[in-house]
Each structure stands twice: as structure tokens, then as C-alpha cells.
PDB file of all heavy atoms in Angstrom:
ATOM      1  N   PRO A   1      20.881 -10.206   7.089  1.00  0.00           N
ATOM      2  CA  PRO A   1      19.563 -10.828   7.080  1.00  0.00           C
ATOM      3  C   PRO A   1      19.242 -11.411   8.505  1.00  0.00           C
ATOM      4  O   PRO A   1      20.030 -12.052   9.069  1.00  0.00           O
ATOM      5  CB  PRO A   1      19.604 -11.862   6.040  1.00  0.00           C
ATOM      6  CG  PRO A   1      20.657 -11.393   5.098  1.00  0.00           C
ATOM      7  CD  PRO A   1      21.658 -10.687   5.993  1.00  0.00           C
ATOM      8  N   GLY A   2      17.996 -11.170   8.938  1.00  0.00           N
ATOM      9  CA  GLY A   2      17.609 -11.614  10.217  1.00  0.00           C
ATOM     10  C   GLY A   2      17.861 -10.499  11.326  1.00  0.00           C
ATOM     11  O   GLY A   2      17.367 -10.740  12.483  1.00  0.00           O
ATOM     12  N   GLY A   3      18.601  -9.495  10.966  1.00  0.00           N
ATOM     13  CA  GLY A   3      18.913  -8.469  11.960  1.00  0.00           C
ATOM     14  C   GLY A   3      17.798  -7.479  12.173  1.00  0.00           C
ATOM     15  O   GLY A   3      16.753  -7.560  11.588  1.00  0.00           O
ATOM     16  N   SER A   4      18.082  -6.444  12.976  1.00  0.00           N
ATOM     17  CA  SER A   4      17.149  -5.431  13.398  1.00  0.00           C
ATOM     18  C   SER A   4      17.742  -4.066  13.243  1.00  0.00           C
ATOM     19  O   SER A   4      18.976  -3.841  13.406  1.00  0.00           O
ATOM     20  CB  SER A   4      16.667  -5.645  14.847  1.00  0.00           C
ATOM     21  OG  SER A   4      16.019  -6.881  14.997  1.00  0.00           O
ATOM     22  N   LEU A   5      16.874  -3.067  12.989  1.00  0.00           N
ATOM     23  CA  LEU A   5      17.281  -1.649  13.037  1.00  0.00           C
ATOM     24  C   LEU A   5      16.056  -0.836  13.578  1.00  0.00           C
ATOM     25  O   LEU A   5      14.919  -1.365  13.441  1.00  0.00           O
ATOM     26  CB  LEU A   5      17.552  -1.129  11.612  1.00  0.00           C
ATOM     27  CG  LEU A   5      18.930  -1.447  11.006  1.00  0.00           C
ATOM     28  CD1 LEU A   5      18.907  -0.908   9.577  1.00  0.00           C
ATOM     29  CD2 LEU A   5      20.075  -0.820  11.806  1.00  0.00           C
ATOM     30  N   ARG A   6      16.332   0.268  14.140  1.00  0.00           N
ATOM     31  CA  ARG A   6      15.266   1.180  14.555  1.00  0.00           C
ATOM     32  C   ARG A   6      15.455   2.500  13.877  1.00  0.00           C
ATOM     33  O   ARG A   6      16.522   3.190  14.078  1.00  0.00           O
ATOM     34  CB  ARG A   6      15.196   1.371  16.043  1.00  0.00           C
ATOM     35  CG  ARG A   6      14.003   2.117  16.549  1.00  0.00           C
ATOM     36  CD  ARG A   6      13.852   2.280  18.058  1.00  0.00           C
ATOM     37  NE  ARG A   6      14.718   3.339  18.518  1.00  0.00           N
ATOM     38  CZ  ARG A   6      14.502   4.022  19.678  1.00  0.00           C
ATOM     39  NH1 ARG A   6      13.539   3.710  20.443  1.00  0.00           N
ATOM     40  NH2 ARG A   6      15.390   4.910  20.096  1.00  0.00           N
ATOM     41  N   LEU A   7      14.491   2.867  13.117  1.00  0.00           N
ATOM     42  CA  LEU A   7      14.546   4.161  12.479  1.00  0.00           C
ATOM     43  C   LEU A   7      13.833   5.213  13.286  1.00  0.00           C
ATOM     44  O   LEU A   7      12.874   4.943  14.018  1.00  0.00           O
ATOM     45  CB  LEU A   7      13.832   4.135  11.030  1.00  0.00           C
ATOM     46  CG  LEU A   7      14.389   3.033  10.082  1.00  0.00           C
ATOM     47  CD1 LEU A   7      13.698   3.168   8.746  1.00  0.00           C
ATOM     48  CD2 LEU A   7      15.873   3.119   9.931  1.00  0.00           C
ATOM     49  N   SER A   8      14.295   6.471  13.214  1.00  0.00           N
ATOM     50  CA  SER A   8      13.658   7.576  13.913  1.00  0.00           C
ATOM     51  C   SER A   8      13.243   8.682  12.909  1.00  0.00           C
ATOM     52  O   SER A   8      13.921   8.820  11.899  1.00  0.00           O
ATOM     53  CB  SER A   8      14.727   8.198  14.907  1.00  0.00           C
ATOM     54  OG  SER A   8      15.054   7.232  15.904  1.00  0.00           O
ATOM     55  N   CYS A   9      12.200   9.299  13.255  1.00  0.00           N
ATOM     56  CA  CYS A   9      11.659  10.414  12.463  1.00  0.00           C
ATOM     57  C   CYS A   9      11.368  11.494  13.414  1.00  0.00           C
ATOM     58  O   CYS A   9      10.325  11.522  14.174  1.00  0.00           O
ATOM     59  CB  CYS A   9      10.412  10.037  11.670  1.00  0.00           C
ATOM     60  SG  CYS A   9       9.595  11.402  10.840  1.00  0.00           S
ATOM     61  N   ALA A  10      12.280  12.502  13.444  1.00  0.00           N
ATOM     62  CA  ALA A  10      12.188  13.633  14.369  1.00  0.00           C
ATOM     63  C   ALA A  10      11.511  14.797  13.694  1.00  0.00           C
ATOM     64  O   ALA A  10      11.918  15.180  12.590  1.00  0.00           O
ATOM     65  CB  ALA A  10      13.576  14.023  14.872  1.00  0.00           C
ATOM     66  N   ALA A  11      10.505  15.331  14.339  1.00  0.00           N
ATOM     67  CA  ALA A  11       9.740  16.396  13.749  1.00  0.00           C
ATOM     68  C   ALA A  11      10.196  17.788  14.468  1.00  0.00           C
ATOM     69  O   ALA A  11      10.444  17.803  15.637  1.00  0.00           O
ATOM     70  CB  ALA A  11       8.265  16.257  13.845  1.00  0.00           C
ATOM     71  N   SER A  12      10.268  18.838  13.626  1.00  0.00           N
ATOM     72  CA  SER A  12      10.564  20.185  14.170  1.00  0.00           C
ATOM     73  C   SER A  12       9.692  21.117  13.426  1.00  0.00           C
ATOM     74  O   SER A  12       9.274  20.921  12.293  1.00  0.00           O
ATOM     75  CB  SER A  12      12.041  20.530  14.062  1.00  0.00           C
ATOM     76  OG  SER A  12      12.434  20.580  12.712  1.00  0.00           O
ATOM     77  N   GLY A  13       9.337  22.224  14.160  1.00  0.00           N
ATOM     78  CA  GLY A  13       8.524  23.241  13.544  1.00  0.00           C
ATOM     79  C   GLY A  13       7.036  22.957  13.697  1.00  0.00           C
ATOM     80  O   GLY A  13       6.213  23.804  13.365  1.00  0.00           O
ATOM     81  N   PHE A  14       6.694  21.778  14.192  1.00  0.00           N
ATOM     82  CA  PHE A  14       5.277  21.525  14.486  1.00  0.00           C
ATOM     83  C   PHE A  14       5.191  20.325  15.515  1.00  0.00           C
ATOM     84  O   PHE A  14       6.192  19.563  15.635  1.00  0.00           O
ATOM     85  CB  PHE A  14       4.550  21.093  13.173  1.00  0.00           C
ATOM     86  CG  PHE A  14       4.909  19.753  12.619  1.00  0.00           C
ATOM     87  CD1 PHE A  14       4.031  18.717  12.691  1.00  0.00           C
ATOM     88  CD2 PHE A  14       6.174  19.595  11.982  1.00  0.00           C
ATOM     89  CE1 PHE A  14       4.367  17.438  12.157  1.00  0.00           C
ATOM     90  CE2 PHE A  14       6.543  18.302  11.468  1.00  0.00           C
ATOM     91  CZ  PHE A  14       5.632  17.286  11.559  1.00  0.00           C
ATOM     92  N   THR A  15       4.101  20.211  16.146  1.00  0.00           N
ATOM     93  CA  THR A  15       3.912  19.082  17.052  1.00  0.00           C
ATOM     94  C   THR A  15       3.164  17.888  16.336  1.00  0.00           C
ATOM     95  O   THR A  15       2.260  18.096  15.514  1.00  0.00           O
ATOM     96  CB  THR A  15       3.139  19.464  18.305  1.00  0.00           C
ATOM     97  OG1 THR A  15       2.966  18.394  19.141  1.00  0.00           O
ATOM     98  CG2 THR A  15       1.806  20.070  17.944  1.00  0.00           C
ATOM     99  N   LEU A  16       3.596  16.694  16.692  1.00  0.00           N
ATOM    100  CA  LEU A  16       3.024  15.565  16.051  1.00  0.00           C
ATOM    101  C   LEU A  16       1.632  15.178  16.530  1.00  0.00           C
ATOM    102  O   LEU A  16       0.903  14.400  15.963  1.00  0.00           O
ATOM    103  CB  LEU A  16       3.919  14.315  16.243  1.00  0.00           C
ATOM    104  CG  LEU A  16       5.273  14.311  15.626  1.00  0.00           C
ATOM    105  CD1 LEU A  16       6.129  13.129  16.001  1.00  0.00           C
ATOM    106  CD2 LEU A  16       5.139  14.397  14.064  1.00  0.00           C
ATOM    107  N   ASP A  17       1.164  15.885  17.569  1.00  0.00           N
ATOM    108  CA  ASP A  17      -0.052  15.557  18.200  1.00  0.00           C
ATOM    109  C   ASP A  17      -1.245  15.488  17.244  1.00  0.00           C
ATOM    110  O   ASP A  17      -2.244  14.784  17.404  1.00  0.00           O
ATOM    111  CB  ASP A  17      -0.412  16.483  19.353  1.00  0.00           C
ATOM    112  CG  ASP A  17       0.498  16.281  20.540  1.00  0.00           C
ATOM    113  OD1 ASP A  17       1.327  15.361  20.470  1.00  0.00           O
ATOM    114  OD2 ASP A  17       0.476  17.018  21.496  1.00  0.00           O
ATOM    115  N   TYR A  18      -1.293  16.345  16.191  1.00  0.00           N
ATOM    116  CA  TYR A  18      -2.379  16.453  15.313  1.00  0.00           C
ATOM    117  C   TYR A  18      -2.077  15.948  13.927  1.00  0.00           C
ATOM    118  O   TYR A  18      -2.750  16.383  12.954  1.00  0.00           O
ATOM    119  CB  TYR A  18      -2.841  17.903  15.319  1.00  0.00           C
ATOM    120  CG  TYR A  18      -3.098  18.450  16.678  1.00  0.00           C
ATOM    121  CD1 TYR A  18      -2.149  19.351  17.315  1.00  0.00           C
ATOM    122  CD2 TYR A  18      -4.170  18.038  17.381  1.00  0.00           C
ATOM    123  CE1 TYR A  18      -2.379  19.816  18.567  1.00  0.00           C
ATOM    124  CE2 TYR A  18      -4.397  18.532  18.665  1.00  0.00           C
ATOM    125  CZ  TYR A  18      -3.517  19.375  19.252  1.00  0.00           C
ATOM    126  OH  TYR A  18      -3.689  19.778  20.568  1.00  0.00           O
ATOM    127  N   TYR A  19      -1.176  14.978  13.816  1.00  0.00           N
ATOM    128  CA  TYR A  19      -0.804  14.529  12.512  1.00  0.00           C
ATOM    129  C   TYR A  19      -0.743  13.050  12.542  1.00  0.00           C
ATOM    130  O   TYR A  19      -0.544  12.333  13.586  1.00  0.00           O
ATOM    131  CB  TYR A  19       0.598  15.060  12.100  1.00  0.00           C
ATOM    132  CG  TYR A  19       0.582  16.524  11.724  1.00  0.00           C
ATOM    133  CD1 TYR A  19       0.639  17.483  12.728  1.00  0.00           C
ATOM    134  CD2 TYR A  19       0.505  16.895  10.401  1.00  0.00           C
ATOM    135  CE1 TYR A  19       0.675  18.815  12.424  1.00  0.00           C
ATOM    136  CE2 TYR A  19       0.524  18.237  10.059  1.00  0.00           C
ATOM    137  CZ  TYR A  19       0.621  19.198  11.108  1.00  0.00           C
ATOM    138  OH  TYR A  19       0.574  20.548  10.748  1.00  0.00           O
ATOM    139  N   GLY A  20      -0.891  12.443  11.307  1.00  0.00           N
ATOM    140  CA  GLY A  20      -0.492  11.091  11.079  1.00  0.00           C
ATOM    141  C   GLY A  20       0.904  11.010  10.450  1.00  0.00           C
ATOM    142  O   GLY A  20       1.209  11.919   9.722  1.00  0.00           O
ATOM    143  N   ILE A  21       1.702  10.063  11.011  1.00  0.00           N
ATOM    144  CA  ILE A  21       3.053   9.996  10.475  1.00  0.00           C
ATOM    145  C   ILE A  21       3.260   8.629   9.857  1.00  0.00           C
ATOM    146  O   ILE A  21       2.941   7.613  10.485  1.00  0.00           O
ATOM    147  CB  ILE A  21       4.109  10.165  11.574  1.00  0.00           C
ATOM    148  CG1 ILE A  21       3.960  11.523  12.240  1.00  0.00           C
ATOM    149  CG2 ILE A  21       5.510   9.969  10.977  1.00  0.00           C
ATOM    150  CD1 ILE A  21       4.200  12.677  11.306  1.00  0.00           C
ATOM    151  N   GLY A  22       3.625   8.620   8.601  1.00  0.00           N
ATOM    152  CA  GLY A  22       3.833   7.331   7.846  1.00  0.00           C
ATOM    153  C   GLY A  22       5.296   7.089   7.525  1.00  0.00           C
ATOM    154  O   GLY A  22       6.115   8.046   7.377  1.00  0.00           O
ATOM    155  N   TRP A  23       5.605   5.805   7.365  1.00  0.00           N
ATOM    156  CA  TRP A  23       6.886   5.408   6.838  1.00  0.00           C
ATOM    157  C   TRP A  23       6.614   4.829   5.470  1.00  0.00           C
ATOM    158  O   TRP A  23       5.743   3.979   5.290  1.00  0.00           O
ATOM    159  CB  TRP A  23       7.519   4.401   7.712  1.00  0.00           C
ATOM    160  CG  TRP A  23       8.134   4.957   8.998  1.00  0.00           C
ATOM    161  CD1 TRP A  23       7.560   4.989  10.234  1.00  0.00           C
ATOM    162  CD2 TRP A  23       9.420   5.547   9.119  1.00  0.00           C
ATOM    163  NE1 TRP A  23       8.417   5.627  11.108  1.00  0.00           N
ATOM    164  CE2 TRP A  23       9.555   5.960  10.462  1.00  0.00           C
ATOM    165  CE3 TRP A  23      10.417   5.837   8.205  1.00  0.00           C
ATOM    166  CZ2 TRP A  23      10.700   6.544  10.923  1.00  0.00           C
ATOM    167  CZ3 TRP A  23      11.592   6.466   8.662  1.00  0.00           C
ATOM    168  CH2 TRP A  23      11.718   6.813  10.024  1.00  0.00           C
ATOM    169  N   PHE A  24       7.471   5.242   4.495  1.00  0.00           N
ATOM    170  CA  PHE A  24       7.441   4.727   3.182  1.00  0.00           C
ATOM    171  C   PHE A  24       8.802   4.242   2.838  1.00  0.00           C
ATOM    172  O   PHE A  24       9.801   4.602   3.457  1.00  0.00           O
ATOM    173  CB  PHE A  24       7.012   5.862   2.185  1.00  0.00           C
ATOM    174  CG  PHE A  24       5.568   6.278   2.295  1.00  0.00           C
ATOM    175  CD1 PHE A  24       5.171   7.043   3.366  1.00  0.00           C
ATOM    176  CD2 PHE A  24       4.590   5.860   1.432  1.00  0.00           C
ATOM    177  CE1 PHE A  24       3.860   7.442   3.541  1.00  0.00           C
ATOM    178  CE2 PHE A  24       3.237   6.273   1.502  1.00  0.00           C
ATOM    179  CZ  PHE A  24       2.971   7.097   2.652  1.00  0.00           C
ATOM    180  N   ARG A  25       8.871   3.405   1.824  1.00  0.00           N
ATOM    181  CA  ARG A  25      10.203   2.986   1.317  1.00  0.00           C
ATOM    182  C   ARG A  25      10.218   2.850  -0.199  1.00  0.00           C
ATOM    183  O   ARG A  25       9.205   2.584  -0.782  1.00  0.00           O
ATOM    184  CB  ARG A  25      10.620   1.624   1.933  1.00  0.00           C
ATOM    185  CG  ARG A  25       9.771   0.441   1.526  1.00  0.00           C
ATOM    186  CD  ARG A  25      10.098  -0.768   2.321  1.00  0.00           C
ATOM    187  NE  ARG A  25       9.371  -1.967   2.011  1.00  0.00           N
ATOM    188  CZ  ARG A  25       9.467  -3.147   2.622  1.00  0.00           C
ATOM    189  NH1 ARG A  25      10.337  -3.303   3.644  1.00  0.00           N
ATOM    190  NH2 ARG A  25       8.726  -4.135   2.186  1.00  0.00           N
ATOM    191  N   GLN A  26      11.453   3.131  -0.728  1.00  0.00           N
ATOM    192  CA  GLN A  26      11.570   3.015  -2.184  1.00  0.00           C
ATOM    193  C   GLN A  26      12.892   2.160  -2.445  1.00  0.00           C
ATOM    194  O   GLN A  26      13.962   2.503  -2.030  1.00  0.00           O
ATOM    195  CB  GLN A  26      11.826   4.430  -2.735  1.00  0.00           C
ATOM    196  CG  GLN A  26      11.851   4.478  -4.298  1.00  0.00           C
ATOM    197  CD  GLN A  26      11.645   5.913  -4.824  1.00  0.00           C
ATOM    198  OE1 GLN A  26      11.558   6.859  -4.052  1.00  0.00           O
ATOM    199  NE2 GLN A  26      11.536   6.047  -6.066  1.00  0.00           N
ATOM    200  N   ALA A  27      12.606   1.040  -3.067  1.00  0.00           N
ATOM    201  CA  ALA A  27      13.687   0.129  -3.260  1.00  0.00           C
ATOM    202  C   ALA A  27      14.511   0.549  -4.431  1.00  0.00           C
ATOM    203  O   ALA A  27      14.030   1.306  -5.301  1.00  0.00           O
ATOM    204  CB  ALA A  27      13.107  -1.267  -3.595  1.00  0.00           C
ATOM    205  N   PRO A  28      15.790   0.099  -4.477  1.00  0.00           N
ATOM    206  CA  PRO A  28      16.663   0.530  -5.569  1.00  0.00           C
ATOM    207  C   PRO A  28      16.086   0.164  -6.947  1.00  0.00           C
ATOM    208  O   PRO A  28      15.610  -1.014  -7.108  1.00  0.00           O
ATOM    209  CB  PRO A  28      17.973  -0.248  -5.281  1.00  0.00           C
ATOM    210  CG  PRO A  28      17.936  -0.561  -3.868  1.00  0.00           C
ATOM    211  CD  PRO A  28      16.482  -0.766  -3.498  1.00  0.00           C
ATOM    212  N   GLY A  29      16.109   1.150  -7.858  1.00  0.00           N
ATOM    213  CA  GLY A  29      15.659   0.846  -9.207  1.00  0.00           C
ATOM    214  C   GLY A  29      14.099   0.862  -9.362  1.00  0.00           C
ATOM    215  O   GLY A  29      13.597   0.647 -10.468  1.00  0.00           O
ATOM    216  N   LYS A  30      13.381   1.062  -8.264  1.00  0.00           N
ATOM    217  CA  LYS A  30      11.933   1.133  -8.363  1.00  0.00           C
ATOM    218  C   LYS A  30      11.452   2.504  -8.263  1.00  0.00           C
ATOM    219  O   LYS A  30      11.960   3.297  -7.408  1.00  0.00           O
ATOM    220  CB  LYS A  30      11.310   0.245  -7.292  1.00  0.00           C
ATOM    221  CG  LYS A  30      11.584  -1.276  -7.504  1.00  0.00           C
ATOM    222  CD  LYS A  30      10.723  -2.117  -6.658  1.00  0.00           C
ATOM    223  CE  LYS A  30      10.869  -3.643  -6.915  1.00  0.00           C
ATOM    224  NZ  LYS A  30       9.935  -4.388  -6.058  1.00  0.00           N
ATOM    225  N   GLU A  31      10.362   2.794  -9.007  1.00  0.00           N
ATOM    226  CA  GLU A  31       9.816   4.146  -8.946  1.00  0.00           C
ATOM    227  C   GLU A  31       8.759   4.271  -7.825  1.00  0.00           C
ATOM    228  O   GLU A  31       8.581   5.298  -7.302  1.00  0.00           O
ATOM    229  CB  GLU A  31       9.153   4.498 -10.234  1.00  0.00           C
ATOM    230  CG  GLU A  31      10.142   4.692 -11.431  1.00  0.00           C
ATOM    231  CD  GLU A  31       9.451   5.189 -12.625  1.00  0.00           C
ATOM    232  OE1 GLU A  31       8.231   5.518 -12.547  1.00  0.00           O
ATOM    233  OE2 GLU A  31      10.188   5.272 -13.681  1.00  0.00           O
TER     234      GLU A  31
END
């Protein structure tokens, strides 16, 4: 707790220039 992380999302097969990229999360036990 209190720490940091950096997540990466690498795309292949297309360029990100024409897209929106979102981050989602699903907690344990939650739908």
C-alpha cells in the first residue's frame, strides 16, 4: 500500500493513432 506500478499496453497489428485505448479492472470475486 502506498506503492507504485506502471502498466504497459503494447499494440501490434494496428497503429494506435486512430484509436482510443482504455484501461479497465476487474476485482477478485466481482463480475
